[in-house]
C-alpha atoms as a PDB file:
ATOM      1  CA  MET A   1      -1.832 -11.123 -14.717  1.00  0.00           C
ATOM      2  CA  HIS A   2      -5.603 -11.808 -13.934  1.00  0.00           C
ATOM      3  CA  LYS A   3      -7.747  -9.238 -12.307  1.00  0.00           C
ATOM      4  CA  ARG A   4      -7.414 -10.532  -8.655  1.00  0.00           C
ATOM      5  CA  ALA A   5      -3.557 -10.278  -8.832  1.00  0.00           C
ATOM      6  CA  SER A   6      -3.756  -6.744 -10.373  1.00  0.00           C
ATOM      7  CA  ALA A   7      -6.198  -5.777  -7.728  1.00  0.00           C
ATOM      8  CA  ILE A   8      -3.715  -6.936  -4.872  1.00  0.00           C
ATOM      9  CA  ARG A   9      -0.715  -5.267  -6.655  1.00  0.00           C
ATOM     10  CA  THR A  10      -2.701  -1.956  -6.461  1.00  0.00           C
ATOM     11  CA  MET A  11      -3.512  -2.553  -2.992  1.00  0.00           C
ATOM     12  CA  ALA A  12      -0.075  -3.340  -1.864  1.00  0.00           C
ATOM     13  CA  ALA A  13       1.271  -0.249  -3.307  1.00  0.00           C
ATOM     14  CA  ALA A  14      -1.301   1.812  -1.487  1.00  0.00           C
ATOM     15  CA  VAL A  15      -0.920   0.196   1.849  1.00  0.00           C
ATOM     16  CA  GLY A  16       2.639  -0.063   2.579  1.00  0.00           C
ATOM     17  CA  VAL A  17       3.180  -2.702   5.312  1.00  0.00           C
ATOM     18  CA  VAL A  18       6.078  -4.681   6.715  1.00  0.00           C
ATOM     19  CA  LEU A  19       4.946  -8.531   6.367  1.00  0.00           C
ATOM     20  CA  ALA A  20       2.585  -8.996   8.968  1.00  0.00           C
ATOM     21  CA  ALA A  21      -0.373 -11.079   9.780  1.00  0.00           C
ATOM     22  CA  SER A  22      -1.956  -9.254  12.678  1.00  0.00           C
ATOM     23  CA  THR A  23      -3.808  -6.074  13.307  1.00  0.00           C
ATOM     24  CA  GLY A  24      -1.531  -3.126  13.569  1.00  0.00           C
ATOM     25  CA  ALA A  25       1.618  -5.101  13.200  1.00  0.00           C
ATOM     26  CA  CYS A  26       4.912  -4.382  11.571  1.00  0.00           C
ATOM     27  CA  GLY A  27       7.315  -7.339  10.737  1.00  0.00           C
ATOM     28  CA  SER A  28      10.933  -8.057  10.504  1.00  0.00           C
ATOM     29  CA  GLY A  29      11.579  -7.805  13.879  1.00  0.00           C
ATOM     30  CA  HIS A  30      11.013  -3.864  13.894  1.00  0.00           C
ATOM     31  CA  SER A  31       8.713  -1.774  16.030  1.00  0.00           C
ATOM     32  CA  PRO A  32       6.115   0.259  14.159  1.00  0.00           C
ATOM     33  CA  PRO A  33       6.840   4.089  13.766  1.00  0.00           C
ATOM     34  CA  PRO A  34       5.737   6.246  16.521  1.00  0.00           C
ATOM     35  CA  ASN A  35       1.738   6.451  16.746  1.00  0.00           C
ATOM     36  CA  CYS A  36       1.417   4.352  13.601  1.00  0.00           C
ATOM     37  CA  LEU A  37      -2.303   3.889  12.998  1.00  0.00           C
ATOM     38  CA  GLN A  38      -3.011   5.883  16.018  1.00  0.00           C
ATOM     39  CA  VAL A  39      -3.378   9.190  14.086  1.00  0.00           C
ATOM     40  CA  ALA A  40      -6.562  10.209  12.418  1.00  0.00           C
ATOM     41  CA  PRO A  41      -6.261  12.458   9.294  1.00  0.00           C
ATOM     42  CA  CYS A  42      -5.685  15.845  10.339  1.00  0.00           C
ATOM     43  CA  GLY A  43      -4.064  17.526   7.386  1.00  0.00           C
ATOM     44  CA  GLY A  44      -1.305  20.116   8.111  1.00  0.00           C
ATOM     45  CA  ASP A  45       1.627  21.610   6.317  1.00  0.00           C
ATOM     46  CA  ILE A  46       3.718  19.039   4.121  1.00  0.00           C
ATOM     47  CA  VAL A  47       6.257  21.537   2.732  1.00  0.00           C
ATOM     48  CA  GLY A  48       9.790  20.051   3.034  1.00  0.00           C
ATOM     49  CA  THR A  49      11.690  16.797   2.754  1.00  0.00           C
ATOM     50  CA  TRP A  50      10.377  13.612   4.037  1.00  0.00           C
ATOM     51  CA  THR A  51      11.980  10.320   4.386  1.00  0.00           C
ATOM     52  CA  PHE A  52       9.929   7.082   5.011  1.00  0.00           C
ATOM     53  CA  ILE A  53      10.671   5.063   8.279  1.00  0.00           C
ATOM     54  CA  GLY A  54       8.180   2.527   8.415  1.00  0.00           C
ATOM     55  CA  THR A  55       4.561   1.184   7.871  1.00  0.00           C
ATOM     56  CA  CYS A  56       1.779  -0.726   9.775  1.00  0.00           C
ATOM     57  CA  THR A  57      -1.500  -2.122   8.583  1.00  0.00           C
ATOM     58  CA  ASN A  58      -4.898  -3.184  10.132  1.00  0.00           C
ATOM     59  CA  VAL A  59      -4.980  -6.740   8.538  1.00  0.00           C
ATOM     60  CA  ALA A  60      -8.245  -7.540  10.328  1.00  0.00           C
ATOM     61  CA  ALA A  61      -9.866  -4.558   8.526  1.00  0.00           C
ATOM     62  CA  LEU A  62      -8.618  -5.666   5.244  1.00  0.00           C
ATOM     63  CA  ASN A  63      -9.891  -9.154   5.602  1.00  0.00           C
ATOM     64  CA  ASP A  64     -13.280  -7.827   6.433  1.00  0.00           C
ATOM     65  CA  GLN A  65     -13.083  -5.757   3.176  1.00  0.00           C
ATOM     66  CA  LEU A  66     -11.894  -8.791   1.312  1.00  0.00           C
ATOM     67  CA  GLY A  67     -14.762 -10.933   2.794  1.00  0.00           C
ATOM     68  CA  ASP A  68     -17.417  -8.352   1.848  1.00  0.00           C
ATOM     69  CA  GLY A  69     -16.473  -9.046  -1.751  1.00  0.00           C
ATOM     70  CA  CYS A  70     -15.823 -12.760  -1.607  1.00  0.00           C
ATOM     71  CA  PRO A  71     -17.041 -14.556   1.407  1.00  0.00           C
ATOM     72  CA  GLY A  72     -14.421 -17.248   2.565  1.00  0.00           C
ATOM     73  CA  ALA A  73     -11.330 -15.215   1.314  1.00  0.00           C
ATOM     74  CA  ALA A  74      -8.715 -14.027   3.616  1.00  0.00           C
ATOM     75  CA  PHE A  75      -5.183 -12.585   3.773  1.00  0.00           C
ATOM     76  CA  ASN A  76      -2.808 -15.209   5.304  1.00  0.00           C
ATOM     77  CA  ALA A  77       0.141 -12.415   5.173  1.00  0.00           C
ATOM     78  CA  PHE A  78       0.080  -9.000   3.719  1.00  0.00           C
ATOM     79  CA  GLY A  79       3.320  -7.068   3.602  1.00  0.00           C
ATOM     80  CA  VAL A  80       5.045  -4.240   1.926  1.00  0.00           C
ATOM     81  CA  ALA A  81       8.249  -2.407   2.927  1.00  0.00           C
ATOM     82  CA  VAL A  82       8.422   1.202   1.597  1.00  0.00           C
ATOM     83  CA  THR A  83      11.638   3.374   1.364  1.00  0.00           C
ATOM     84  CA  GLY A  84      12.441   6.637  -0.342  1.00  0.00           C
ATOM     85  CA  THR A  85      12.286  10.360  -0.123  1.00  0.00           C
ATOM     86  CA  PHE A  86       9.652  13.094  -1.177  1.00  0.00           C
ATOM     87  CA  THR A  87      10.244  16.746  -1.102  1.00  0.00           C
ATOM     88  CA  PHE A  88       7.112  18.873  -1.437  1.00  0.00           C
ATOM     89  CA  ASN A  89       7.844  22.438  -2.606  1.00  0.00           C
ATOM     90  CA  ALA A  90       5.780  25.674  -1.719  1.00  0.00           C
ATOM     91  CA  ASP A  91       5.132  26.144  -5.328  1.00  0.00           C
ATOM     92  CA  LEU A  92       2.917  22.863  -5.260  1.00  0.00           C
ATOM     93  CA  THR A  93       5.532  20.822  -7.128  1.00  0.00           C
ATOM     94  CA  TYR A  94       7.307  17.628  -5.575  1.00  0.00           C
ATOM     95  CA  THR A  95      10.085  15.444  -6.523  1.00  0.00           C
ATOM     96  CA  ALA A  96      10.524  11.718  -5.448  1.00  0.00           C
ATOM     97  CA  SER A  97      13.820   9.857  -5.263  1.00  0.00           C
ATOM     98  CA  ASN A  98      14.916   6.246  -4.418  1.00  0.00           C
ATOM     99  CA  TRP A  99      11.305   5.044  -3.805  1.00  0.00           C
ATOM    100  CA  ARG A 100      11.275   1.260  -3.614  1.00  0.00           C
ATOM    101  CA  GLU A 101       8.385  -1.045  -2.488  1.00  0.00           C
ATOM    102  CA  ASP A 102       8.807  -4.652  -1.767  1.00  0.00           C
ATOM    103  CA  PHE A 103       5.727  -6.720  -1.270  1.00  0.00           C
ATOM    104  CA  VAL A 104       4.497 -10.256  -0.218  1.00  0.00           C
ATOM    105  CA  ILE A 105       0.894 -11.040  -0.032  1.00  0.00           C
ATOM    106  CA  VAL A 106      -0.551 -14.532   0.742  1.00  0.00           C
ATOM    107  CA  GLU A 107      -4.277 -15.001   0.220  1.00  0.00           C
ATOM    108  CA  THR A 108      -6.872 -17.922   0.352  1.00  0.00           C
ATOM    109  CA  LEU A 109      -9.911 -17.676  -1.790  1.00  0.00           C
ATOM    110  CA  PRO A 110     -12.497 -19.883  -3.239  1.00  0.00           C
ATOM    111  CA  LEU A 111     -11.886 -20.687  -6.887  1.00  0.00           C
ATOM    112  CA  MET A 112     -15.260 -18.871  -7.788  1.00  0.00           C
ATOM    113  CA  CYS A 113     -13.699 -15.555  -6.797  1.00  0.00           C
ATOM    114  CA  HIS A 114     -10.188 -16.180  -8.462  1.00  0.00           C
ATOM    115  CA  GLY A 115     -11.149 -15.050 -11.884  1.00  0.00           C
ATOM    116  CA  GLY A 116      -9.842 -18.104 -13.882  1.00  0.00           C
ATOM    117  CA  PRO A 117     -10.865 -21.815 -14.572  1.00  0.00           C
ATOM    118  CA  THR A 118      -7.965 -23.117 -12.441  1.00  0.00           C
ATOM    119  CA  CYS A 119      -5.965 -21.688  -9.390  1.00  0.00           C
ATOM    120  CA  ALA A 120      -2.595 -22.165 -11.536  1.00  0.00           C
ATOM    121  CA  ASP A 121      -3.775 -20.155 -14.579  1.00  0.00           C
ATOM    122  CA  ALA A 122      -2.662 -16.871 -12.768  1.00  0.00           C
ATOM    123  CA  ASN A 123       0.888 -18.157 -12.250  1.00  0.00           C
ATOM    124  CA  GLY A 124       3.719 -16.150 -13.717  1.00  0.00           C
ATOM    125  CA  THR A 125       5.746 -13.210 -13.602  1.00  0.00           C
ATOM    126  CA  GLN A 126       4.774  -9.827 -15.214  1.00  0.00           C
ATOM    127  CA  THR A 127       7.282  -7.144 -15.603  1.00  0.00           C
ATOM    128  CA  ASP A 128       6.316  -3.522 -16.498  1.00  0.00           C
ATOM    129  CA  SER A 129       8.691  -0.747 -17.351  1.00  0.00           C
ATOM    130  CA  MET A 130       7.358   2.834 -17.296  1.00  0.00           C
ATOM    131  CA  ILE A 131       9.096   6.094 -17.939  1.00  0.00           C
ATOM    132  CA  ALA A 132       9.955   6.710 -14.342  1.00  0.00           C
ATOM    133  CA  GLY A 133       9.723   3.352 -12.760  1.00  0.00           C
ATOM    134  CA  THR A 134       9.781  -0.592 -12.974  1.00  0.00           C
ATOM    135  CA  SER A 135       7.621  -3.101 -11.429  1.00  0.00           C
ATOM    136  CA  THR A 136       7.914  -6.890 -11.147  1.00  0.00           C
ATOM    137  CA  VAL A 137       5.177  -9.287  -9.895  1.00  0.00           C
ATOM    138  CA  THR A 138       5.166 -12.870  -9.486  1.00  0.00           C
ATOM    139  CA  THR A 139       2.215 -14.893  -8.740  1.00  0.00           C
ATOM    140  CA  THR A 140       1.919 -18.600  -7.557  1.00  0.00           C
ATOM    141  CA  CYS A 141      -1.259 -20.324  -6.814  1.00  0.00           C
ATOM    142  CA  THR A 142      -2.135 -23.677  -5.824  1.00  0.00           C
ATOM    143  CA  GLY A 143      -5.223 -25.729  -4.971  1.00  0.00           C
ATOM    144  CA  SER A 144      -8.471 -27.001  -6.689  1.00  0.00           C
ATOM    145  CA  SER A 145     -11.819 -25.623  -5.155  1.00  0.00           C
ATOM    146  CA  THR A 146      -9.917 -23.190  -2.772  1.00  0.00           C
ATOM    147  CA  CYS A 147      -6.879 -21.280  -4.193  1.00  0.00           C
ATOM    148  CA  THR A 148      -3.917 -20.209  -1.970  1.00  0.00           C
ATOM    149  CA  CYS A 149      -2.058 -17.567  -3.807  1.00  0.00           C
ATOM    150  CA  ARG A 150       1.390 -15.950  -3.085  1.00  0.00           C
ATOM    151  CA  VAL A 151       1.826 -12.579  -4.925  1.00  0.00           C
ATOM    152  CA  ASN A 152       5.397 -10.984  -4.450  1.00  0.00           C
ATOM    153  CA  GLY A 153       7.173  -8.233  -6.153  1.00  0.00           C
ATOM    154  CA  THR A 154       9.028  -5.097  -6.310  1.00  0.00           C
ATOM    155  CA  PHE A 155       8.283  -1.426  -7.462  1.00  0.00           C
ATOM    156  CA  THR A 156      11.111   1.075  -7.948  1.00  0.00           C
ATOM    157  CA  VAL A 157      11.355   4.677  -9.073  1.00  0.00           C
ATOM    158  CA  SER A 158      14.737   6.195  -9.045  1.00  0.00           C
ATOM    159  CA  SER A 159      13.324   9.691  -9.599  1.00  0.00           C
ATOM    160  CA  ASP A 160       9.926  11.224 -10.464  1.00  0.00           C
ATOM    161  CA  ALA A 161       8.590  14.674 -10.198  1.00  0.00           C
ATOM    162  CA  GLY A 162       4.854  16.166 -10.227  1.00  0.00           C
ATOM    163  CA  THR A 163       2.536  18.477  -8.723  1.00  0.00           C
ATOM    164  CA  TRP A 164       0.490  18.122  -5.380  1.00  0.00           C
ATOM    165  CA  THR A 165      -2.562  19.547  -3.980  1.00  0.00           C
ATOM    166  CA  THR A 166      -4.423  19.192  -0.435  1.00  0.00           C
ATOM    167  CA  ALA A 167      -8.106  19.550   0.353  1.00  0.00           C
ATOM    168  CA  GLY A 168      -8.784  19.476   4.027  1.00  0.00           C
ATOM    169  CA  THR A 169      -7.134  16.070   5.111  1.00  0.00           C
ATOM    170  CA  ASP A 170      -6.738  14.705   1.577  1.00  0.00           C
ATOM    171  CA  LEU A 171      -3.447  14.705  -0.352  1.00  0.00           C
ATOM    172  CA  THR A 172      -3.246  14.228  -4.040  1.00  0.00           C
ATOM    173  CA  MET A 173       0.032  13.662  -6.048  1.00  0.00           C
ATOM    174  CA  TYR A 174       0.059  13.975  -9.824  1.00  0.00           C
ATOM    175  CA  GLY A 175       3.319  12.418 -11.334  1.00  0.00           C
ATOM    176  CA  THR A 176       4.573  10.008 -13.970  1.00  0.00           C
ATOM    177  CA  ALA A 177       5.107   7.076 -11.526  1.00  0.00           C
ATOM    178  CA  THR A 178       4.264   8.332  -8.135  1.00  0.00           C
ATOM    179  CA  SER A 179       0.444   9.806  -8.472  1.00  0.00           C
ATOM    180  CA  THR A 180      -1.840   8.759  -5.598  1.00  0.00           C
ATOM    181  CA  SER A 181      -4.594  10.097  -3.588  1.00  0.00           C
ATOM    182  CA  THR A 182      -4.638   9.511   0.244  1.00  0.00           C
ATOM    183  CA  SER A 183      -5.703  10.948   3.655  1.00  0.00           C
ATOM    184  CA  TYR A 184      -2.684  12.405   5.574  1.00  0.00           C
ATOM    185  CA  CYS A 185      -1.613  14.129   8.802  1.00  0.00           C
ATOM    186  CA  VAL A 186       1.292  15.978   9.904  1.00  0.00           C
ATOM    187  CA  GLU A 187       2.025  15.237  13.474  1.00  0.00           C
ATOM    188  CA  GLU A 188       5.028  16.986  14.990  1.00  0.00           C
ATOM    189  CA  ASP A 189       7.935  16.075  12.675  1.00  0.00           C
ATOM    190  CA  ARG A 190       6.072  13.102  11.077  1.00  0.00           C
ATOM    191  CA  LEU A 191       3.917  12.769   8.195  1.00  0.00           C
ATOM    192  CA  HIS A 192       1.282   9.804   8.117  1.00  0.00           C
ATOM    193  CA  LEU A 193      -0.056   8.910   4.813  1.00  0.00           C
ATOM    194  CA  ILE A 194      -3.192   7.178   5.758  1.00  0.00           C
ATOM    195  CA  GLN A 195      -5.478   4.882   3.757  1.00  0.00           C
ATOM    196  CA  THR A 196      -9.149   4.611   5.219  1.00  0.00           C
ATOM    197  CA  ASN A 197     -12.161   2.694   4.089  1.00  0.00           C
ATOM    198  CA  THR A 198     -16.066   2.866   4.824  1.00  0.00           C
ATOM    199  CA  SER A 199     -17.677  -0.312   5.980  1.00  0.00           C
ATOM    200  CA  VAL A 200     -20.888  -1.526   4.371  1.00  0.00           C
ATOM    201  CA  THR A 201     -22.543  -0.090   7.578  1.00  0.00           C
ATOM    202  CA  GLY A 202     -21.136   3.250   7.151  1.00  0.00           C
ATOM    203  CA  GLU A 203     -18.347   3.203   9.494  1.00  0.00           C
ATOM    204  CA  SER A 204     -15.090   4.896   8.579  1.00  0.00           C
ATOM    205  CA  PHE A 205     -11.837   3.062   9.807  1.00  0.00           C
ATOM    206  CA  ARG A 206      -8.095   3.292   9.090  1.00  0.00           C
ATOM    207  CA  ILE A 207      -6.535   0.393   7.055  1.00  0.00           C
ATOM    208  CA  SER A 208      -2.892   1.620   6.888  1.00  0.00           C
ATOM    209  CA  ASP A 209      -0.346   4.185   7.782  1.00  0.00           C
ATOM    210  CA  ILE A 210       3.041   4.827   5.952  1.00  0.00           C
ATOM    211  CA  VAL A 211       5.174   7.251   8.234  1.00  0.00           C
ATOM    212  CA  ALA A 212       7.741   9.621   7.187  1.00  0.00           C
ATOM    213  CA  VAL A 213      10.090  12.101   9.105  1.00  0.00           C
ATOM    214  CA  ARG A 214      10.672  15.583   7.976  1.00  0.00           C
ATOM    215  CA  SER A 215      14.380  16.245   7.427  1.00  0.00           C
ATOM    216  CA  PRO A 216      15.776  19.254   9.417  1.00  0.00           C
END
């Protein structure tokens, strides 16, 4: 898998959106979760069990970010569906169960940003098996001077365990397959995992929001 596809896979896993091609949208005919992308990082008490209920993303912001590194590049569609349950314990340990990400990304980019001599050199399927999870990514690119690439795949974790810490509005998890660092906010009975970015002008903005609900 070439560097561009690997970068897209990493971004997809972090963002978590249902197939969408407009700012702040959720796809598959579903409405976005309550206050999705409307809540700023605020921190809060995450101890408890949380189940993902939906996601949304700011695709316009993603395109701005992509364009900064490669003028003329754009996401035509960017989507991830995330399901699963996390339990954060008071002793700073956590468990994850039945975590699944299904993602589809369609991107247009000049060949000079593609990372290979032709658009088709990235085509193929890569499967990685880890101790606690499995990922499968398929890339199909067409074109000559401009590449149109479709990247789709699945990442699954049946169960995982690790430790967690918070610092202000940042949550960091250390696990075999579920390690991540993200901004977060506990709003009523909902947990927002928020990816933010800073523009070249120094402006901070929210890119995505994965929303979970606390179990009674």
